[in-house]
Amino acid sequence: MSKKFAIGVSGNLTRPSKTRLFVDQIVGQVATKIGAASATFDIEDLGASFCTGHAA
C-alpha cells in the first residue's frame, strides 16, 4: 500500500509569509482528514536561480 502525502506550495518569495501560513494550515487540515503526512514549500525554497531565471 502506498503512503498518502499532502503537499502545499506557496508562491511567496519572502518570509515571514501569511500566504505560507495559510497554505500550511489548509494542507494540514487536508492531511488530517485523509490520514496523510503533509509538507509545505515556498517557491523561494527552489533558490534564487528559479526566481530570477538565471542559473545559479
Protein backbone atom coordinates (compact mmCIF):
# COMPACT_ATOMS: atom_id res chain seq x y z
CA MET A 1 0.00 0.00 0.00
CA SER A 2 1.32 3.46 -0.84
CA LYS A 3 1.70 6.18 1.77
CA LYS A 4 -0.53 9.25 1.45
CA PHE A 5 1.13 12.65 1.38
CA ALA A 6 -0.42 16.13 1.03
CA ILE A 7 1.88 18.83 -0.36
CA GLY A 8 1.29 22.57 -0.43
CA VAL A 9 3.25 25.12 -2.46
CA SER A 10 3.21 28.81 -1.62
CA GLY A 11 4.18 31.27 -4.34
CA ASN A 12 5.55 33.85 -1.93
CA LEU A 13 9.18 34.93 -2.31
CA THR A 14 9.72 36.45 1.13
CA ARG A 15 9.47 35.34 4.75
CA PRO A 16 7.63 35.58 7.03
CA SER A 17 4.65 34.93 4.80
CA LYS A 18 0.95 34.99 5.64
CA THR A 19 0.35 33.03 2.45
CA ARG A 20 2.69 30.25 3.61
CA LEU A 21 0.88 30.06 6.95
CA PHE A 22 -2.48 29.84 5.17
CA VAL A 23 -1.29 27.12 2.77
CA ASP A 24 0.31 25.22 5.66
CA GLN A 25 -2.94 25.31 7.63
CA ILE A 26 -5.05 24.08 4.70
CA VAL A 27 -2.59 21.31 3.81
CA GLY A 28 -2.52 20.22 7.45
CA GLN A 29 -6.31 20.03 7.58
CA VAL A 30 -6.48 18.04 4.34
CA ALA A 31 -3.77 15.67 5.56
CA THR A 32 -5.60 15.09 8.83
CA LYS A 33 -8.87 14.41 7.01
CA ILE A 34 -7.35 11.84 4.63
CA GLY A 35 -4.87 10.34 7.10
CA ALA A 36 -1.76 11.58 5.33
CA ALA A 37 1.56 13.21 6.15
CA SER A 38 1.97 16.82 5.00
CA ALA A 39 4.60 19.32 3.89
CA THR A 40 4.51 22.91 2.67
CA PHE A 41 7.13 24.55 0.46
CA ASP A 42 7.75 28.09 -0.78
CA ILE A 43 8.82 28.94 -4.31
CA GLU A 44 11.74 30.60 -2.50
CA ASP A 45 12.87 27.12 -1.41
CA LEU A 46 13.78 26.44 -5.04
CA GLY A 47 16.52 29.08 -4.84
CA ALA A 48 17.39 32.39 -6.37
CA SER A 49 18.00 30.93 -9.85
CA PHE A 50 14.33 29.90 -10.08
CA CYS A 51 13.12 33.36 -9.05
CA THR A 52 15.41 35.28 -11.41
CA GLY A 53 15.50 32.86 -14.33
CA HIS A 54 19.34 32.69 -14.18
CA ALA A 55 21.47 29.65 -13.48
CA ALA A 56 22.98 29.56 -10.00
